[in-house]
Structures are given as C-alpha cells and as structure tokens.
Amino acid sequence: MTLKLEGVTKRMDGQTHIYPTDLELQSGTMNVLLGPTLSGKTSLMRLMAGLDVPNKGRIFWNGEDVTGMRVQDRKVAMVYQQFINYPSMTVYDNIASPLRLLGKSASEVDAAVKKSAEMMQLTPMLDRKPLELSGGQQQRCALARALVKDAGLVLLDEPLANLDYKLREEMRIEIPKIFEEAGSIFVYATTEPEEALLLGGNTATLWEGRVTQFGPTPTVYRKPVDATTARVFSDPPMNFLPVTKSGGKLMFGDGQSAIASGSLADLADGNYTAGFRPNHLEIHSQAADALQFATRLVVTELTGSETFIHLDHHGERWVGLIHGVHDLTLGADLSVYLDPAHVYVFDESGSLVAPASYSLAA
C-alpha cells in the first residue's frame, strides 16, 4: 500500500493552508507530522483522508487517483485529540460499530472486536460504558474502533494531547507496537519533538503550510536541511547567533573563535548563522575548546531534575536546559558554555551548510 501526494495545494477564503506538497508514504510505516499549531498538520490530514479536496494536485492510493473520492468510500480511520466514543454503548459496541455499518456478520464482528480489544488491553472492559473508563482507556477505545476497520490508512491527530503525563508516556510506547501489528500506513500529528523521536519511523516537519523536510526521524533531527526545520524539531526552539567565516576561522560573538575544519574549511568567507539546541548550553565548561558567552539571566523554570534558563545575549533571547536544580540570581550576569561540536551552521538563505558534531578546534 502507498499513499502519494503530488503537488497537493489547499486554499480557503483566499488563504493558502497547504503549499504544493509531495509526499509518498509506505505500508507498515509510522509517519509523524511535526509542527506548531496552525502549521498545517490537520489540513494535510484532512486532504489525505478525503475530508477536503485539494485546489491543485492529485492524491493516489496504491496507484489509483482518489483525489475526488469521498472519505466514506476509502479505507481510512481517524482519531482526534478530542476522542469520541458513544456514551450509551458499551466498549464492545463502540468498537463493533464501524463493522456493523459495513454489514459484517456477527462472527466476523466478534472476532475483530476481541482482537482489537486485546491489542489495546481493553478485554476486561468490554461490558463497560465509556464514562466508566479512565481517560487513557477511553482513548484506547477510540483507537480500537479505528483499528478494527482494518483501514489501510490510520490518521491520528494529536491523539494523546488531552491525557495526563503518565498515560501519554504509556500510549507513546504502545502505539508503535500497535502499528507494527496492524501493517497500515499510520500518520500521527504532534507539536512535540520529543513525541516524534519516541515514535520513530519517518517525520515530516511543517511550518506555515509547507513541508520543510521528510525522512527517517533520526535523520531529520540530526541533519535538518534548514534553520526552519531545526527550529521546528527542537523544544524549546533552537538558539541562533551570527557567525562570520574569515580565513580558517569562525568568529562568534564575545570574541570567541573556532578553527573551521572539515567541510567548513571550504566555506567561502562571509556571514552565516550558528544554531545550537538548548540542552547543549552549560553553565560549567565541560569541553577544553568550549565557547564562552556572556549573558544575563532573565527567567528560570524548574522541571524537577532539570532547569530551563532564559537568557539575554546582547538582545538575543536564548533558552538553555541544564541538569539539576540550581540557585541562580535573576538579572545577574551568567557565563554559559557551548561545545563547538554541537553547533550547526546555516547560510544566509537558512540552508544547512554544516551539521553538528563536526570537529571544531578552539
């Protein structure tokens, strides 16, 4: 099974929601749509499902053009952030409802419901009503109803957003196991980079209606093609600062410099942008060639075992994520350190010219 989008565009009320998009998704894959709110994730899923029709472009399912085909005529299942169950029905009847609409026999319905319930760990709850279940169990019921259709395409639109932390963590572990068993094409929308990394598979990063990159999740994370993708695939967003290539050196702010080795040695002299993720900032130097920056501490946020530090670097706002709980004075000057191996370099158009983990000597 394949789902292929060719030049798909969606405009509504004079506004472009999805710019020309090409994607090809394969059977048995988890495909994450990652982007902030209003980046186009739900709009793209509605096009995939057939709930909306593109203004331009075509959508193919197994080579067949299904661009104008109604959603009810496709083998598609969808689960939303606001999970929906029928409150007057038992869990069994909720899961069975799409099969009965398809006219399946009682024995086929029973076998499929029990298989789906077992997969979602709902077997002991089949006689209960949805309101007698916990939030996580209700969401699993909605997922089971989607999976029982044996749909070739399963669309999950931020399905865990309304669950508490513990349930989200449990479901993030369960969902990849479920899709491996089902063999369908799964598309999972989220605003959280951490969730994309946990789910694995492939990730498409979205920004203002554009797919900026699509590929294996670790590759997109480690080698974003541009600064926009790097910003999307970082939480908090990636920090940036100007850097100048001059001769054999990269000149950062605060008088810091590093030798431009490897691929950077061939870069033309000029102005670039350096980017680094919050978790790579440190308040104590760990690398012999660490870059040191003078900042002012604006805000701290404690998250238990970690601390977010919001910094002012000569008018630029940075965020750092450091391990442990630290007694820091707001408004005070604070030196922070960065291992140059963790620096990304982008050209003036925003395209990546050097990924992190290359060798930079002080």
Protein backbone atom coordinates (compact mmCIF):
# COMPACT_ATOMS: atom_id res chain seq x y z
CA MET A 1 0.00 0.00 0.00
CA THR A 2 1.15 3.50 -0.78
CA LEU A 3 -0.31 6.96 -0.28
CA LYS A 4 1.13 9.51 -2.67
CA LEU A 5 0.56 13.25 -2.75
CA GLU A 6 1.65 15.09 -5.89
CA GLY A 7 1.70 18.89 -5.81
CA VAL A 8 -1.22 18.99 -3.37
CA THR A 9 -2.33 22.54 -2.52
CA LYS A 10 -5.19 23.80 -0.34
CA ARG A 11 -6.57 27.34 -0.26
CA MET A 12 -9.55 28.54 1.76
CA ASP A 13 -11.05 32.03 1.92
CA GLY A 14 -8.17 33.44 -0.08
CA GLN A 15 -5.54 31.97 2.27
CA THR A 16 -3.13 29.16 1.47
CA HIS A 17 -3.30 26.45 4.15
CA ILE A 18 -1.10 23.93 2.32
CA TYR A 19 1.51 24.96 -0.23
CA PRO A 20 2.42 22.50 -3.05
CA THR A 21 3.30 19.26 -1.25
CA ASP A 22 4.81 16.00 -2.48
CA LEU A 23 4.82 13.03 -0.09
CA GLU A 24 4.90 9.27 -0.50
CA LEU A 25 4.02 7.04 2.46
CA GLN A 26 4.52 3.27 2.50
CA SER A 27 2.60 0.39 4.07
CA GLY A 28 3.59 -0.52 7.62
CA THR A 29 5.20 2.83 8.40
CA MET A 30 4.73 5.38 11.16
CA ASN A 31 4.79 8.89 9.69
CA VAL A 32 4.83 11.84 12.07
CA LEU A 33 3.63 15.31 11.07
CA LEU A 34 5.56 17.63 13.37
CA GLY A 35 4.90 21.34 13.61
CA PRO A 36 3.50 24.10 15.80
CA THR A 37 -0.18 24.98 15.99
CA LEU A 38 -1.52 26.27 12.63
CA SER A 39 1.43 24.84 10.70
CA GLY A 40 -0.93 22.77 8.51
CA LYS A 41 -0.90 19.33 10.15
CA THR A 42 -4.68 18.90 10.41
CA SER A 43 -5.25 20.45 6.97
CA LEU A 44 -2.84 17.92 5.44
CA MET A 45 -4.50 15.01 7.24
CA ARG A 46 -7.96 16.09 6.04
CA LEU A 47 -6.65 16.05 2.48
CA MET A 48 -5.18 12.58 2.99
CA ALA A 49 -8.48 11.33 4.41
CA GLY A 50 -10.66 12.81 1.68
CA LEU A 51 -12.50 15.15 4.06
CA ASP A 52 -11.21 18.03 1.92
CA VAL A 53 -10.34 18.19 -1.78
CA PRO A 54 -7.14 19.94 -2.90
CA ASN A 55 -7.37 23.00 -5.12
CA LYS A 56 -4.43 21.67 -7.11
CA GLY A 57 -2.51 18.40 -7.20
CA ARG A 58 -3.52 14.75 -7.01
CA ILE A 59 -3.74 12.08 -4.30
CA PHE A 60 -3.08 8.44 -5.18
CA TRP A 61 -3.84 5.29 -3.18
CA ASN A 62 -1.99 2.23 -4.48
CA GLY A 63 -1.62 4.00 -7.81
CA GLU A 64 -5.33 4.85 -8.08
CA ASP A 65 -6.28 8.53 -8.26
CA VAL A 66 -8.61 9.09 -5.27
CA THR A 67 -8.47 12.90 -5.28
CA GLY A 68 -12.23 13.35 -5.53
CA MET A 69 -13.27 10.17 -3.74
CA ARG A 70 -15.45 10.60 -0.64
CA VAL A 71 -13.96 9.68 2.73
CA GLN A 72 -16.67 7.06 3.33
CA ASP A 73 -15.56 5.28 0.15
CA ARG A 74 -11.97 4.96 1.35
CA LYS A 75 -10.42 2.59 3.88
CA VAL A 76 -9.48 5.38 6.27
CA ALA A 77 -9.70 5.62 10.05
CA MET A 78 -9.18 8.79 12.05
CA VAL A 79 -8.68 9.51 15.77
CA TYR A 80 -8.79 13.07 17.03
CA GLN A 81 -7.39 14.93 20.03
CA GLN A 82 -10.94 15.09 21.37
CA PHE A 83 -11.53 11.35 21.37
CA ILE A 84 -15.15 10.43 20.63
CA ASN A 85 -17.00 7.38 21.94
CA TYR A 86 -20.74 6.68 22.01
CA PRO A 87 -21.63 7.09 25.72
CA SER A 88 -24.78 4.93 25.58
CA MET A 89 -22.91 1.95 24.09
CA THR A 90 -20.61 -0.50 25.78
CA VAL A 91 -16.94 -0.61 24.84
CA TYR A 92 -17.72 -3.75 22.82
CA ASP A 93 -20.45 -1.99 20.84
CA ASN A 94 -18.32 1.12 20.33
CA ILE A 95 -15.56 -0.95 18.77
CA ALA A 96 -18.04 -3.03 16.77
CA SER A 97 -19.99 -0.04 15.37
CA PRO A 98 -17.96 0.56 12.15
CA LEU A 99 -18.02 -3.15 11.29
CA ARG A 100 -21.78 -3.33 11.70
CA LEU A 101 -22.16 -0.32 9.41
CA LEU A 102 -20.14 -2.27 6.84
CA GLY A 103 -22.58 -5.19 7.14
CA LYS A 104 -20.14 -7.68 8.62
CA SER A 105 -21.51 -10.91 10.09
CA ALA A 106 -21.84 -11.33 13.85
CA SER A 107 -18.98 -13.83 13.95
CA GLU A 108 -16.69 -11.52 11.94
CA VAL A 109 -17.56 -8.61 14.22
CA ASP A 110 -16.95 -10.63 17.38
CA ALA A 111 -13.56 -11.92 16.24
CA ALA A 112 -12.39 -8.47 15.11
CA VAL A 113 -13.59 -6.72 18.27
CA LYS A 114 -11.88 -9.21 20.56
CA LYS A 115 -8.63 -8.99 18.60
CA SER A 116 -8.65 -5.19 18.66
CA ALA A 117 -9.60 -5.08 22.34
CA GLU A 118 -6.77 -7.44 23.24
CA MET A 119 -4.30 -5.31 21.28
CA MET A 120 -5.45 -2.21 23.19
CA GLN A 121 -5.63 -4.00 26.58
CA LEU A 122 -9.38 -3.47 26.83
CA THR A 123 -10.60 -7.08 27.11
CA PRO A 124 -11.70 -6.78 30.79
CA MET A 125 -13.65 -3.58 29.99
CA LEU A 126 -15.75 -4.71 27.02
CA ASP A 127 -19.02 -4.64 29.01
CA ARG A 128 -18.41 -1.18 30.49
CA LYS A 129 -19.68 2.16 29.20
CA PRO A 130 -17.07 4.75 28.14
CA LEU A 131 -17.82 7.04 31.08
CA GLU A 132 -16.87 4.20 33.43
CA LEU A 133 -13.34 4.22 31.96
CA SER A 134 -10.30 6.35 32.71
CA GLY A 135 -9.17 8.92 30.16
CA GLY A 136 -6.49 6.61 28.83
CA GLN A 137 -8.92 3.71 28.49
CA GLN A 138 -11.41 5.93 26.65
CA GLN A 139 -8.69 6.95 24.19
CA ARG A 140 -7.72 3.30 23.70
CA CYS A 141 -11.38 2.55 22.98
CA ALA A 142 -11.39 5.23 20.26
CA LEU A 143 -8.15 3.81 18.85
CA ALA A 144 -9.55 0.27 18.89
CA ARG A 145 -12.62 1.42 16.96
CA ALA A 146 -10.32 2.98 14.35
CA LEU A 147 -8.08 -0.08 14.08
CA VAL A 148 -10.89 -2.62 13.90
CA LYS A 149 -11.89 -1.26 10.47
CA ASP A 150 -8.66 -2.78 9.11
CA ALA A 151 -8.09 0.56 7.43
CA GLY A 152 -5.12 0.93 5.15
CA LEU A 153 -4.63 4.50 6.37
CA VAL A 154 -4.90 5.46 10.06
CA LEU A 155 -4.74 9.16 10.88
CA LEU A 156 -4.03 10.21 14.48
CA ASP A 157 -4.47 13.95 15.07
CA GLU A 158 -2.68 14.72 18.37
CA PRO A 159 -4.49 11.77 19.99
CA LEU A 160 -2.65 11.99 23.33
CA ALA A 161 -2.80 15.74 23.92
CA ASN A 162 -5.61 15.55 26.48
CA LEU A 163 -4.12 12.72 28.54
CA ASP A 164 -2.04 13.19 31.65
CA TYR A 165 1.72 12.70 31.55
CA LYS A 166 1.76 9.07 32.71
CA LEU A 167 -0.91 7.99 30.24
CA ARG A 168 0.81 9.82 27.39
CA GLU A 169 4.05 8.00 28.13
CA GLU A 170 2.27 4.63 28.22
CA MET A 171 0.47 5.27 24.95
CA ARG A 172 3.61 6.54 23.21
CA ILE A 173 5.17 3.16 23.94
CA GLU A 174 2.07 1.20 22.90
CA ILE A 175 1.28 2.95 19.61
CA PRO A 176 4.44 1.89 17.70
CA LYS A 177 3.77 -1.72 18.77
CA ILE A 178 0.20 -1.41 17.53
CA PHE A 179 1.13 -0.09 14.11
CA GLU A 180 3.72 -2.85 13.65
CA GLU A 181 0.98 -5.44 14.15
CA ALA A 182 -1.60 -3.65 12.01
CA GLY A 183 0.59 -3.09 8.93
CA SER A 184 -1.33 0.04 7.92
CA ILE A 185 0.06 3.44 6.99
CA PHE A 186 -0.03 5.47 10.19
CA VAL A 187 0.09 9.28 10.16
CA TYR A 188 0.49 10.90 13.57
CA ALA A 189 0.27 14.68 14.10
CA THR A 190 2.03 16.30 17.06
CA THR A 191 3.50 19.59 18.19
CA GLU A 192 6.12 17.87 20.36
CA PRO A 193 9.59 16.98 19.00
CA GLU A 194 10.11 14.54 21.88
CA GLU A 195 7.00 12.63 20.82
CA ALA A 196 8.27 12.38 17.24
CA LEU A 197 11.58 10.97 18.50
CA LEU A 198 9.83 8.43 20.73
CA LEU A 199 7.52 7.26 17.93
CA GLY A 200 10.35 6.90 15.43
CA GLY A 201 9.55 5.99 11.84
CA ASN A 202 9.53 8.98 9.49
CA THR A 203 8.91 12.64 10.26
CA ALA A 204 7.64 15.47 8.08
CA THR A 205 8.31 18.89 9.60
CA LEU A 206 5.74 21.57 8.81
CA TRP A 207 5.97 25.35 9.02
CA GLU A 208 3.23 27.73 7.86
CA GLY A 209 1.67 25.22 5.47
CA ARG A 210 4.94 23.93 3.99
CA VAL A 211 6.61 20.55 4.48
CA THR A 212 10.20 21.62 5.05
CA GLN A 213 11.70 18.11 5.26
CA PHE A 214 10.60 14.47 5.23
CA GLY A 215 12.65 11.40 6.05
CA PRO A 216 13.67 8.96 8.79
CA THR A 217 13.07 10.70 12.12
CA PRO A 218 16.67 10.48 13.43
CA THR A 219 17.99 11.93 10.15
CA VAL A 220 15.60 14.88 10.17
CA TYR A 221 16.51 15.58 13.79
CA ARG A 222 20.28 15.30 13.35
CA LYS A 223 20.56 16.85 9.90
CA PRO A 224 17.81 19.44 9.42
CA VAL A 225 18.03 20.84 5.89
CA ASP A 226 17.48 24.40 7.06
CA ALA A 227 17.09 26.66 10.07
CA THR A 228 13.28 26.46 9.93
CA THR A 229 13.34 22.66 10.23
CA ALA A 230 15.89 22.90 13.04
CA ARG A 231 13.60 25.36 14.85
CA VAL A 232 10.58 23.07 14.47
CA PHE A 233 12.47 19.96 15.60
CA SER A 234 13.71 21.44 18.87
CA ASP A 235 11.81 22.06 22.10
CA PRO A 236 12.44 24.73 23.24
CA PRO A 237 13.33 26.02 19.77
CA MET A 238 16.96 26.09 18.64
CA ASN A 239 19.04 29.13 19.63
CA PHE A 240 20.77 31.18 16.94
CA LEU A 241 23.57 33.72 16.71
CA PRO A 242 25.53 35.32 13.86
CA VAL A 243 28.93 33.87 12.93
CA THR A 244 31.49 35.03 10.39
CA LYS A 245 33.83 32.80 8.40
CA SER A 246 37.17 34.56 7.91
CA GLY A 247 40.13 32.65 6.56
CA GLY A 248 40.50 29.47 8.58
CA LYS A 249 38.33 30.60 11.48
CA LEU A 250 34.74 31.00 12.53
CA MET A 251 34.24 34.19 14.55
CA PHE A 252 31.41 34.10 17.09
CA GLY A 253 30.18 36.84 19.39
CA ASP A 254 32.03 37.74 22.60
CA GLY A 255 35.35 37.42 20.78
CA GLN A 256 35.04 33.64 20.54
CA SER A 257 36.53 31.79 17.59
CA ALA A 258 36.99 28.24 16.38
CA ILE A 259 39.06 26.69 13.63
CA ALA A 260 36.95 25.91 10.56
CA SER A 261 37.89 22.31 9.91
CA GLY A 262 36.36 19.59 7.76
CA SER A 263 33.66 20.79 5.37
CA LEU A 264 33.73 24.23 6.97
CA ALA A 265 37.27 24.81 5.73
CA ASP A 266 35.87 25.01 2.17
CA LEU A 267 33.16 27.54 3.03
CA ALA A 268 33.52 30.93 1.39
CA ASP A 269 34.33 33.78 3.72
CA GLY A 270 31.21 35.61 4.76
CA ASN A 271 28.35 35.79 7.23
CA TYR A 272 26.47 32.75 8.48
CA THR A 273 24.13 31.76 11.30
CA ALA A 274 25.11 29.32 14.03
CA GLY A 275 22.43 27.26 15.74
CA PHE A 276 22.51 25.10 18.84
CA ARG A 277 19.90 23.25 20.88
CA PRO A 278 19.07 24.35 24.47
CA ASN A 279 20.33 21.12 26.01
CA HIS A 280 23.84 21.83 24.69
CA LEU A 281 24.27 25.02 26.72
CA GLU A 282 26.13 24.53 30.01
CA ILE A 283 26.87 26.75 32.99
CA HIS A 284 30.11 24.90 33.66
CA SER A 285 32.63 24.19 30.92
CA GLN A 286 32.91 20.51 30.03
CA ALA A 287 34.97 20.77 26.84
CA ALA A 288 38.51 22.07 26.58
CA ASP A 289 37.60 24.07 23.49
CA ALA A 290 34.20 25.27 24.78
CA LEU A 291 32.91 28.61 23.54
CA GLN A 292 32.06 31.03 26.36
CA PHE A 293 29.27 33.60 26.10
CA ALA A 294 28.34 36.43 28.47
CA THR A 295 24.58 36.52 29.11
CA ARG A 296 22.07 37.91 31.60
CA LEU A 297 19.69 35.52 33.37
CA VAL A 298 16.08 36.58 32.75
CA VAL A 299 13.92 33.66 33.96
CA THR A 300 14.41 30.19 35.42
CA GLU A 301 11.93 27.31 35.26
CA LEU A 302 12.35 24.20 37.38
CA THR A 303 11.08 20.93 35.87
CA GLY A 304 12.15 18.61 38.67
CA SER A 305 15.56 17.26 37.75
CA GLU A 306 16.25 19.95 35.14
CA THR A 307 16.20 23.73 34.90
CA PHE A 308 15.27 25.92 31.95
CA ILE A 309 17.28 29.14 31.91
CA HIS A 310 16.09 32.04 29.76
CA LEU A 311 18.99 34.27 28.79
CA ASP A 312 19.60 37.64 27.19
CA HIS A 313 22.65 37.61 24.92
CA HIS A 314 23.16 41.15 23.66
CA GLY A 315 19.45 41.48 22.87
CA GLU A 316 19.03 37.90 21.60
CA ARG A 317 16.84 35.58 23.67
CA TRP A 318 18.29 32.14 24.30
CA VAL A 319 17.00 29.18 26.28
CA GLY A 320 19.21 26.63 27.98
CA LEU A 321 18.25 23.29 29.52
CA ILE A 322 20.66 22.27 32.28
CA HIS A 323 20.64 19.24 34.55
CA GLY A 324 19.85 19.65 38.21
CA VAL A 325 18.26 22.39 40.31
CA HIS A 326 20.44 25.49 40.53
CA ASP A 327 20.30 28.53 42.84
CA LEU A 328 20.71 31.29 40.25
CA THR A 329 20.07 35.01 40.70
CA LEU A 330 17.62 36.56 38.26
CA GLY A 331 19.03 39.58 36.45
CA ALA A 332 22.61 38.53 37.21
CA ASP A 333 25.35 38.11 34.64
CA LEU A 334 25.89 34.46 33.75
CA SER A 335 28.59 32.89 31.62
CA VAL A 336 27.39 29.91 29.56
CA TYR A 337 29.44 27.43 27.59
CA LEU A 338 28.92 25.58 24.34
CA ASP A 339 30.88 22.67 22.89
CA PRO A 340 31.52 23.75 19.28
CA ALA A 341 30.89 20.17 18.13
CA HIS A 342 27.20 20.83 18.83
CA VAL A 343 26.94 23.85 16.55
CA TYR A 344 25.02 23.83 13.27
CA VAL A 345 25.93 26.37 10.58
CA PHE A 346 23.38 27.82 8.13
CA ASP A 347 23.99 30.13 5.19
CA GLU A 348 22.21 33.46 4.67
CA SER A 349 19.26 31.74 2.97
CA GLY A 350 18.83 29.47 6.02
CA SER A 351 20.11 26.28 4.36
CA LEU A 352 22.28 23.94 6.38
CA VAL A 353 25.93 24.03 5.32
CA ALA A 354 27.40 22.05 8.24
CA PRO A 355 25.62 19.77 10.72
CA ALA A 356 26.56 19.46 14.36
CA SER A 357 29.22 17.01 15.57
CA TYR A 358 31.84 18.14 13.12
CA SER A 359 35.25 18.90 14.62
CA LEU A 360 35.97 22.50 15.59
CA ALA A 361 39.18 23.20 17.49
CA ALA A 362 39.42 26.37 19.57
